[in-house]
Amino acid sequence: MSKKLIIITASAGLVSFAGAFALGWFTAPSPPGDPGESIQPEIVSVGAVPEMPLPVAGTAGVIGSASDSERKAMTEKQLRNLVFEVREKVQEYDDKLQNLTVREQRLQRTQDTLKADIQNLNNLRIELATSVADIKSERDKLLKTRLEVAQTEKGNLVLIAATYDKMDTSSASKILVSMCTSQTQPDKIDSQSRGFDEAVKILYYMTERTTAKLLAELATAEPKLAAFLTQRLKQIVEGK
């Protein structure tokens, strides 16, 4: 016989022996027990096997459904949180935008007020410049029209006025009329002549009583000259 056939035969014998042994083991009669003992409990105790929890039908599906529900619930919660955060951001943006709008309006009002103030200041400056120009013009006119008595000539004028005070009114008035008339036109009063200003200065330093009498005499003979002299007396100033 070949080795292969020997090995197969030995294996078959071993399998047959193992089967016979197992069959004899399971079919052997039970040992005798006490008469009072129940057979059923013994059978139960011999054949008792620890109970294992059996999987319930559909457990995997339930677990899967629970996981899906939890994920869905978490997704909805996250979505709600996201919506809440977005609303908060939008509200915050709206508040900032409103604050910026209010601030811009305040700045605009302030700018408008400043522009109005600047315009008013410019108008006042123009008015002030015009007023200053007018005052300067009036001052120039006053300087041109005023009759100033220098300190160097004051002493001589006082002496001449004292002499006129001692003269009679008629003679003094004739001299003053001659001083005030034009050199080219003796019958015409020249208020711009040097003699006219000298006559006014003499009248200024004469006593009030003599001046009044002299002007009264002139008003009878030369009323226009008396008016010119009176007007010019108000423009005399004494130099320093």
C-alpha atoms as a PDB file:
ATOM      1  CA  MET A   1       0.000   0.000   0.000  1.00  0.00           C
ATOM      2  CA  SER A   2       1.105   3.520  -0.657  1.00  0.00           C
ATOM      3  CA  LYS A   3       1.717   6.009   2.101  1.00  0.00           C
ATOM      4  CA  LYS A   4      -1.175   8.164   0.981  1.00  0.00           C
ATOM      5  CA  LEU A   5      -3.617   5.310   1.333  1.00  0.00           C
ATOM      6  CA  ILE A   6      -2.266   4.443   4.775  1.00  0.00           C
ATOM      7  CA  ILE A   7      -2.741   8.004   5.984  1.00  0.00           C
ATOM      8  CA  ILE A   8      -6.314   8.137   4.668  1.00  0.00           C
ATOM      9  CA  THR A   9      -7.176   4.811   6.345  1.00  0.00           C
ATOM     10  CA  ALA A  10      -5.699   5.947   9.688  1.00  0.00           C
ATOM     11  CA  SER A  11      -7.620   9.192   9.543  1.00  0.00           C
ATOM     12  CA  ALA A  12     -10.879   7.416   8.849  1.00  0.00           C
ATOM     13  CA  GLY A  13     -10.272   5.084  11.784  1.00  0.00           C
ATOM     14  CA  LEU A  14      -9.637   7.958  14.131  1.00  0.00           C
ATOM     15  CA  VAL A  15     -12.800   9.722  13.007  1.00  0.00           C
ATOM     16  CA  SER A  16     -14.844   6.534  13.516  1.00  0.00           C
ATOM     17  CA  PHE A  17     -13.390   6.006  16.975  1.00  0.00           C
ATOM     18  CA  ALA A  18     -14.107   9.603  17.969  1.00  0.00           C
ATOM     19  CA  GLY A  19     -17.687   9.304  16.742  1.00  0.00           C
ATOM     20  CA  ALA A  20     -18.275   6.068  18.627  1.00  0.00           C
ATOM     21  CA  PHE A  21     -16.817   7.498  21.800  1.00  0.00           C
ATOM     22  CA  ALA A  22     -18.990  10.595  21.577  1.00  0.00           C
ATOM     23  CA  LEU A  23     -22.074   8.538  20.909  1.00  0.00           C
ATOM     24  CA  GLY A  24     -21.400   6.301  23.876  1.00  0.00           C
ATOM     25  CA  TRP A  25     -20.806   9.262  26.110  1.00  0.00           C
ATOM     26  CA  PHE A  26     -24.070  11.016  25.317  1.00  0.00           C
ATOM     27  CA  THR A  27     -26.163   7.793  25.322  1.00  0.00           C
ATOM     28  CA  ALA A  28     -24.796   6.372  28.603  1.00  0.00           C
ATOM     29  CA  PRO A  29     -27.492   5.994  31.400  1.00  0.00           C
ATOM     30  CA  SER A  30     -27.563   8.500  34.267  1.00  0.00           C
ATOM     31  CA  PRO A  31     -26.273   7.375  37.670  1.00  0.00           C
ATOM     32  CA  PRO A  32     -28.977   6.457  40.216  1.00  0.00           C
ATOM     33  CA  GLY A  33     -30.043   9.175  42.576  1.00  0.00           C
ATOM     34  CA  ASP A  34     -32.134   9.500  45.709  1.00  0.00           C
ATOM     35  CA  PRO A  35     -35.737   8.394  45.426  1.00  0.00           C
ATOM     36  CA  GLY A  36     -37.064  11.639  46.825  1.00  0.00           C
ATOM     37  CA  GLU A  37     -35.390  13.778  44.347  1.00  0.00           C
ATOM     38  CA  SER A  38     -37.225  14.849  41.302  1.00  0.00           C
ATOM     39  CA  ILE A  39     -35.848  13.859  37.965  1.00  0.00           C
ATOM     40  CA  GLN A  40     -36.952  17.051  36.252  1.00  0.00           C
ATOM     41  CA  PRO A  41     -34.862  19.386  38.356  1.00  0.00           C
ATOM     42  CA  GLU A  42     -31.821  17.223  37.725  1.00  0.00           C
ATOM     43  CA  ILE A  43     -32.380  17.288  34.051  1.00  0.00           C
ATOM     44  CA  VAL A  44     -32.838  20.984  34.238  1.00  0.00           C
ATOM     45  CA  SER A  45     -29.723  21.436  36.317  1.00  0.00           C
ATOM     46  CA  VAL A  46     -27.652  19.268  34.011  1.00  0.00           C
ATOM     47  CA  GLY A  47     -28.875  20.915  30.895  1.00  0.00           C
ATOM     48  CA  ALA A  48     -28.949  24.453  32.319  1.00  0.00           C
ATOM     49  CA  VAL A  49     -27.009  26.886  30.197  1.00  0.00           C
ATOM     50  CA  PRO A  50     -26.362  30.539  31.193  1.00  0.00           C
ATOM     51  CA  GLU A  51     -28.870  32.685  29.420  1.00  0.00           C
ATOM     52  CA  MET A  52     -27.360  35.203  27.021  1.00  0.00           C
ATOM     53  CA  PRO A  53     -29.243  38.319  26.004  1.00  0.00           C
ATOM     54  CA  LEU A  54     -30.602  37.739  22.597  1.00  0.00           C
ATOM     55  CA  PRO A  55     -30.667  40.598  20.153  1.00  0.00           C
ATOM     56  CA  VAL A  56     -34.117  42.024  19.786  1.00  0.00           C
ATOM     57  CA  ALA A  57     -35.454  42.143  16.317  1.00  0.00           C
ATOM     58  CA  GLY A  58     -34.897  45.593  14.782  1.00  0.00           C
ATOM     59  CA  THR A  59     -32.421  46.788  17.447  1.00  0.00           C
ATOM     60  CA  ALA A  60     -29.883  47.966  14.913  1.00  0.00           C
ATOM     61  CA  GLY A  61     -32.562  49.970  13.119  1.00  0.00           C
ATOM     62  CA  VAL A  62     -33.718  51.560  16.352  1.00  0.00           C
ATOM     63  CA  ILE A  63     -30.149  52.479  17.268  1.00  0.00           C
ATOM     64  CA  GLY A  64     -29.596  53.908  13.821  1.00  0.00           C
ATOM     65  CA  SER A  65     -32.832  55.873  14.016  1.00  0.00           C
ATOM     66  CA  ALA A  66     -31.853  57.245  17.435  1.00  0.00           C
ATOM     67  CA  SER A  67     -28.488  58.366  16.083  1.00  0.00           C
ATOM     68  CA  ASP A  68     -30.154  60.047  13.121  1.00  0.00           C
ATOM     69  CA  SER A  69     -32.624  61.788  15.455  1.00  0.00           C
ATOM     70  CA  GLU A  70     -29.808  62.984  17.683  1.00  0.00           C
ATOM     71  CA  ARG A  71     -27.852  64.264  14.710  1.00  0.00           C
ATOM     72  CA  LYS A  72     -30.956  65.951  13.371  1.00  0.00           C
ATOM     73  CA  ALA A  73     -31.680  67.497  16.779  1.00  0.00           C
ATOM     74  CA  MET A  74     -28.085  68.711  17.029  1.00  0.00           C
ATOM     75  CA  THR A  75     -28.248  70.128  13.522  1.00  0.00           C
ATOM     76  CA  GLU A  76     -31.473  71.988  14.297  1.00  0.00           C
ATOM     77  CA  LYS A  77     -29.970  73.354  17.519  1.00  0.00           C
ATOM     78  CA  GLN A  78     -26.856  74.472  15.698  1.00  0.00           C
ATOM     79  CA  LEU A  79     -29.008  76.074  13.032  1.00  0.00           C
ATOM     80  CA  ARG A  80     -31.057  77.903  15.654  1.00  0.00           C
ATOM     81  CA  ASN A  81     -27.870  79.083  17.345  1.00  0.00           C
ATOM     82  CA  LEU A  82     -26.501  80.211  14.007  1.00  0.00           C
ATOM     83  CA  VAL A  83     -29.706  82.094  13.196  1.00  0.00           C
ATOM     84  CA  PHE A  84     -29.624  83.713  16.644  1.00  0.00           C
ATOM     85  CA  GLU A  85     -26.004  84.756  16.169  1.00  0.00           C
ATOM     86  CA  VAL A  86     -26.766  86.131  12.717  1.00  0.00           C
ATOM     87  CA  ARG A  87     -29.699  88.109  14.110  1.00  0.00           C
ATOM     88  CA  GLU A  88     -27.481  89.455  16.880  1.00  0.00           C
ATOM     89  CA  LYS A  89     -24.868  90.491  14.323  1.00  0.00           C
ATOM     90  CA  VAL A  90     -27.512  92.115  12.132  1.00  0.00           C
ATOM     91  CA  GLN A  91     -28.962  93.973  15.134  1.00  0.00           C
ATOM     92  CA  GLU A  92     -25.485  95.046  16.185  1.00  0.00           C
ATOM     93  CA  TYR A  93     -24.800  96.250  12.655  1.00  0.00           C
ATOM     94  CA  ASP A  94     -28.120  98.126  12.561  1.00  0.00           C
ATOM     95  CA  ASP A  95     -27.341  99.773  15.912  1.00  0.00           C
ATOM     96  CA  LYS A  96     -23.908 100.837  14.723  1.00  0.00           C
ATOM     97  CA  LEU A  97     -25.358 102.077  11.450  1.00  0.00           C
ATOM     98  CA  GLN A  98     -28.002 104.061  13.319  1.00  0.00           C
ATOM     99  CA  ASN A  99     -25.372 105.532  15.639  1.00  0.00           C
ATOM    100  CA  LEU A 100     -23.240 106.466  12.652  1.00  0.00           C
ATOM    101  CA  THR A 101     -26.259 108.042  10.976  1.00  0.00           C
ATOM    102  CA  VAL A 102     -27.059 110.087  14.085  1.00  0.00           C
ATOM    103  CA  ARG A 103     -23.426 111.100  14.398  1.00  0.00           C
ATOM    104  CA  GLU A 104     -23.291 112.056  10.742  1.00  0.00           C
ATOM    105  CA  GLN A 105     -26.435 114.157  11.160  1.00  0.00           C
ATOM    106  CA  ARG A 106     -24.926 115.898  14.186  1.00  0.00           C
ATOM    107  CA  LEU A 107     -21.718 116.539  12.289  1.00  0.00           C
ATOM    108  CA  GLN A 108     -23.724 117.887   9.355  1.00  0.00           C
ATOM    109  CA  ARG A 109     -25.678 120.220  11.645  1.00  0.00           C
ATOM    110  CA  THR A 110     -22.445 121.345  13.279  1.00  0.00           C
ATOM    111  CA  GLN A 111     -20.889 121.918   9.870  1.00  0.00           C
ATOM    112  CA  ASP A 112     -23.921 123.901   8.726  1.00  0.00           C
ATOM    113  CA  THR A 113     -23.782 125.970  11.905  1.00  0.00           C
ATOM    114  CA  LEU A 114     -20.079 126.617  11.391  1.00  0.00           C
ATOM    115  CA  LYS A 115     -20.705 127.623   7.788  1.00  0.00           C
ATOM    116  CA  ALA A 116     -23.446 130.004   8.897  1.00  0.00           C
ATOM    117  CA  ASP A 117     -21.176 131.441  11.597  1.00  0.00           C
ATOM    118  CA  ILE A 118     -18.358 131.862   9.100  1.00  0.00           C
ATOM    119  CA  GLN A 119     -20.731 133.587   6.686  1.00  0.00           C
ATOM    120  CA  ASN A 120     -21.960 135.870   9.457  1.00  0.00           C
ATOM    121  CA  LEU A 121     -18.383 136.646  10.459  1.00  0.00           C
ATOM    122  CA  ASN A 122     -17.524 137.426   6.853  1.00  0.00           C
ATOM    123  CA  ASN A 123     -20.545 139.706   6.607  1.00  0.00           C
ATOM    124  CA  LEU A 124     -19.581 141.393   9.867  1.00  0.00           C
ATOM    125  CA  ARG A 125     -16.029 141.763   8.627  1.00  0.00           C
ATOM    126  CA  ILE A 126     -17.278 143.391   5.439  1.00  0.00           C
ATOM    127  CA  GLU A 127     -19.553 145.673   7.428  1.00  0.00           C
ATOM    128  CA  LEU A 128     -16.725 146.471   9.827  1.00  0.00           C
ATOM    129  CA  ALA A 129     -14.352 147.174   6.959  1.00  0.00           C
ATOM    130  CA  THR A 130     -16.975 149.437   5.391  1.00  0.00           C
ATOM    131  CA  SER A 131     -17.530 151.194   8.704  1.00  0.00           C
ATOM    132  CA  VAL A 132     -13.794 151.612   9.201  1.00  0.00           C
ATOM    133  CA  ALA A 133     -13.492 152.997   5.693  1.00  0.00           C
ATOM    134  CA  ASP A 134     -16.356 155.403   6.350  1.00  0.00           C
ATOM    135  CA  ILE A 135     -14.838 156.463   9.666  1.00  0.00           C
ATOM    136  CA  LYS A 136     -11.474 156.948   8.017  1.00  0.00           C
ATOM    137  CA  SER A 137     -13.075 158.979   5.266  1.00  0.00           C
ATOM    138  CA  GLU A 138     -14.902 161.134   7.788  1.00  0.00           C
ATOM    139  CA  ARG A 139     -11.695 161.489   9.762  1.00  0.00           C
ATOM    140  CA  ASP A 140      -9.836 162.581   6.659  1.00  0.00           C
ATOM    141  CA  LYS A 141     -12.571 165.065   5.909  1.00  0.00           C
ATOM    142  CA  LEU A 142     -12.444 166.319   9.462  1.00  0.00           C
ATOM    143  CA  LEU A 143      -8.681 166.629   9.306  1.00  0.00           C
ATOM    144  CA  LYS A 144      -8.974 168.550   6.078  1.00  0.00           C
ATOM    145  CA  THR A 145     -11.694 170.846   7.335  1.00  0.00           C
ATOM    146  CA  ARG A 146     -10.427 171.497  10.847  1.00  0.00           C
ATOM    147  CA  LEU A 147      -8.408 174.598  11.530  1.00  0.00           C
ATOM    148  CA  GLU A 148      -5.410 173.928  13.727  1.00  0.00           C
ATOM    149  CA  VAL A 149      -3.681 176.645  15.704  1.00  0.00           C
ATOM    150  CA  ALA A 150       0.014 175.928  16.181  1.00  0.00           C
ATOM    151  CA  GLN A 151       1.630 176.711  19.503  1.00  0.00           C
ATOM    152  CA  THR A 152       4.140 178.952  17.745  1.00  0.00           C
ATOM    153  CA  GLU A 153       1.426 181.288  16.461  1.00  0.00           C
ATOM    154  CA  LYS A 154      -0.855 181.161  19.473  1.00  0.00           C
ATOM    155  CA  GLY A 155       0.944 183.953  21.302  1.00  0.00           C
ATOM    156  CA  ASN A 156       0.720 186.353  18.351  1.00  0.00           C
ATOM    157  CA  LEU A 157      -2.965 185.572  17.813  1.00  0.00           C
ATOM    158  CA  VAL A 158      -3.730 186.272  21.468  1.00  0.00           C
ATOM    159  CA  LEU A 159      -2.077 189.710  21.167  1.00  0.00           C
ATOM    160  CA  ILE A 160      -3.930 190.550  17.950  1.00  0.00           C
ATOM    161  CA  ALA A 161      -7.245 189.432  19.461  1.00  0.00           C
ATOM    162  CA  ALA A 162      -6.598 191.678  22.469  1.00  0.00           C
ATOM    163  CA  THR A 163      -6.045 194.583  20.091  1.00  0.00           C
ATOM    164  CA  TYR A 164      -9.337 193.886  18.330  1.00  0.00           C
ATOM    165  CA  ASP A 165     -11.067 193.771  21.693  1.00  0.00           C
ATOM    166  CA  LYS A 166     -10.032 197.398  22.233  1.00  0.00           C
ATOM    167  CA  MET A 167     -11.293 198.561  18.829  1.00  0.00           C
ATOM    168  CA  ASP A 168     -14.850 199.632  18.145  1.00  0.00           C
ATOM    169  CA  THR A 169     -17.058 196.990  16.594  1.00  0.00           C
ATOM    170  CA  SER A 170     -17.557 198.800  13.265  1.00  0.00           C
ATOM    171  CA  SER A 171     -13.841 199.222  12.574  1.00  0.00           C
ATOM    172  CA  ALA A 172     -13.014 195.662  13.603  1.00  0.00           C
ATOM    173  CA  SER A 173     -15.763 194.250  11.375  1.00  0.00           C
ATOM    174  CA  LYS A 174     -14.478 196.189   8.330  1.00  0.00           C
ATOM    175  CA  ILE A 175     -10.997 194.756   8.834  1.00  0.00           C
ATOM    176  CA  LEU A 176     -12.338 191.216   9.108  1.00  0.00           C
ATOM    177  CA  VAL A 177     -14.461 191.654   5.962  1.00  0.00           C
ATOM    178  CA  SER A 178     -11.398 192.824   4.085  1.00  0.00           C
ATOM    179  CA  MET A 179      -9.406 189.800   5.284  1.00  0.00           C
ATOM    180  CA  CYS A 180     -12.137 187.390   4.134  1.00  0.00           C
ATOM    181  CA  THR A 181     -12.797 188.797   0.639  1.00  0.00           C
ATOM    182  CA  SER A 182     -11.077 187.473  -2.484  1.00  0.00           C
ATOM    183  CA  GLN A 183      -8.032 189.319  -3.662  1.00  0.00           C
ATOM    184  CA  THR A 184      -9.173 189.062  -7.277  1.00  0.00           C
ATOM    185  CA  GLN A 185     -12.854 189.696  -6.537  1.00  0.00           C
ATOM    186  CA  PRO A 186     -13.133 192.158  -3.616  1.00  0.00           C
ATOM    187  CA  ASP A 187     -16.903 191.803  -3.471  1.00  0.00           C
ATOM    188  CA  LYS A 188     -16.782 188.004  -3.028  1.00  0.00           C
ATOM    189  CA  ILE A 189     -16.132 186.103   0.188  1.00  0.00           C
ATOM    190  CA  ASP A 190     -13.339 183.495  -0.177  1.00  0.00           C
ATOM    191  CA  SER A 191     -13.702 180.966   2.638  1.00  0.00           C
ATOM    192  CA  GLN A 192     -10.682 179.033   1.362  1.00  0.00           C
ATOM    193  CA  SER A 193      -8.269 181.935   1.540  1.00  0.00           C
ATOM    194  CA  ARG A 194      -5.546 182.258   4.142  1.00  0.00           C
ATOM    195  CA  GLY A 195      -7.024 185.570   5.299  1.00  0.00           C
ATOM    196  CA  PHE A 196     -10.345 183.856   6.103  1.00  0.00           C
ATOM    197  CA  ASP A 197      -8.640 181.356   8.406  1.00  0.00           C
ATOM    198  CA  GLU A 198      -6.633 184.135  10.076  1.00  0.00           C
ATOM    199  CA  ALA A 199      -9.843 186.110  10.764  1.00  0.00           C
ATOM    200  CA  VAL A 200     -11.393 182.998  12.337  1.00  0.00           C
ATOM    201  CA  LYS A 201      -8.344 182.480  14.575  1.00  0.00           C
ATOM    202  CA  ILE A 202      -8.507 186.103  15.753  1.00  0.00           C
ATOM    203  CA  LEU A 203     -12.196 185.754  16.582  1.00  0.00           C
ATOM    204  CA  TYR A 204     -11.408 182.525  18.494  1.00  0.00           C
ATOM    205  CA  TYR A 205      -9.019 184.290  20.899  1.00  0.00           C
ATOM    206  CA  MET A 206     -11.144 187.411  21.367  1.00  0.00           C
ATOM    207  CA  THR A 207     -13.346 187.675  24.434  1.00  0.00           C
ATOM    208  CA  GLU A 208     -16.786 186.176  24.128  1.00  0.00           C
ATOM    209  CA  ARG A 209     -18.476 189.561  24.557  1.00  0.00           C
ATOM    210  CA  THR A 210     -16.437 191.240  21.813  1.00  0.00           C
ATOM    211  CA  THR A 211     -16.874 188.248  19.484  1.00  0.00           C
ATOM    212  CA  ALA A 212     -20.637 188.372  19.938  1.00  0.00           C
ATOM    213  CA  LYS A 213     -20.782 192.096  19.156  1.00  0.00           C
ATOM    214  CA  LEU A 214     -18.556 191.699  16.121  1.00  0.00           C
ATOM    215  CA  LEU A 215     -20.618 188.832  14.667  1.00  0.00           C
ATOM    216  CA  ALA A 216     -23.791 190.842  15.239  1.00  0.00           C
ATOM    217  CA  GLU A 217     -22.261 193.734  13.291  1.00  0.00           C
ATOM    218  CA  LEU A 218     -21.222 191.403  10.473  1.00  0.00           C
ATOM    219  CA  ALA A 219     -24.668 189.790  10.373  1.00  0.00           C
ATOM    220  CA  THR A 220     -26.138 193.164   9.484  1.00  0.00           C
ATOM    221  CA  ALA A 221     -23.637 194.029   6.750  1.00  0.00           C
ATOM    222  CA  GLU A 222     -22.442 190.584   5.591  1.00  0.00           C
ATOM    223  CA  PRO A 223     -24.819 187.829   6.837  1.00  0.00           C
ATOM    224  CA  LYS A 224     -23.182 185.116   4.692  1.00  0.00           C
ATOM    225  CA  LEU A 225     -19.748 185.989   6.061  1.00  0.00           C
ATOM    226  CA  ALA A 226     -21.075 185.909   9.630  1.00  0.00           C
ATOM    227  CA  ALA A 227     -22.454 182.389   8.983  1.00  0.00           C
ATOM    228  CA  PHE A 228     -19.151 181.157   7.489  1.00  0.00           C
ATOM    229  CA  LEU A 229     -17.157 182.544  10.405  1.00  0.00           C
ATOM    230  CA  THR A 230     -19.476 180.957  12.971  1.00  0.00           C
ATOM    231  CA  GLN A 231     -19.260 177.558  11.213  1.00  0.00           C
ATOM    232  CA  ARG A 232     -15.501 177.782  10.952  1.00  0.00           C
ATOM    233  CA  LEU A 233     -15.068 178.651  14.631  1.00  0.00           C
ATOM    234  CA  LYS A 234     -16.321 175.144  15.509  1.00  0.00           C
ATOM    235  CA  GLN A 235     -13.469 173.587  13.511  1.00  0.00           C
ATOM    236  CA  ILE A 236     -10.606 175.257  15.367  1.00  0.00           C
ATOM    237  CA  VAL A 237      -8.302 172.972  17.385  1.00  0.00           C
ATOM    238  CA  GLU A 238      -5.175 173.915  19.267  1.00  0.00           C
ATOM    239  CA  GLY A 239      -2.073 171.993  18.355  1.00  0.00           C
ATOM    240  CA  LYS A 240       0.070 170.312  20.984  1.00  0.00           C
END
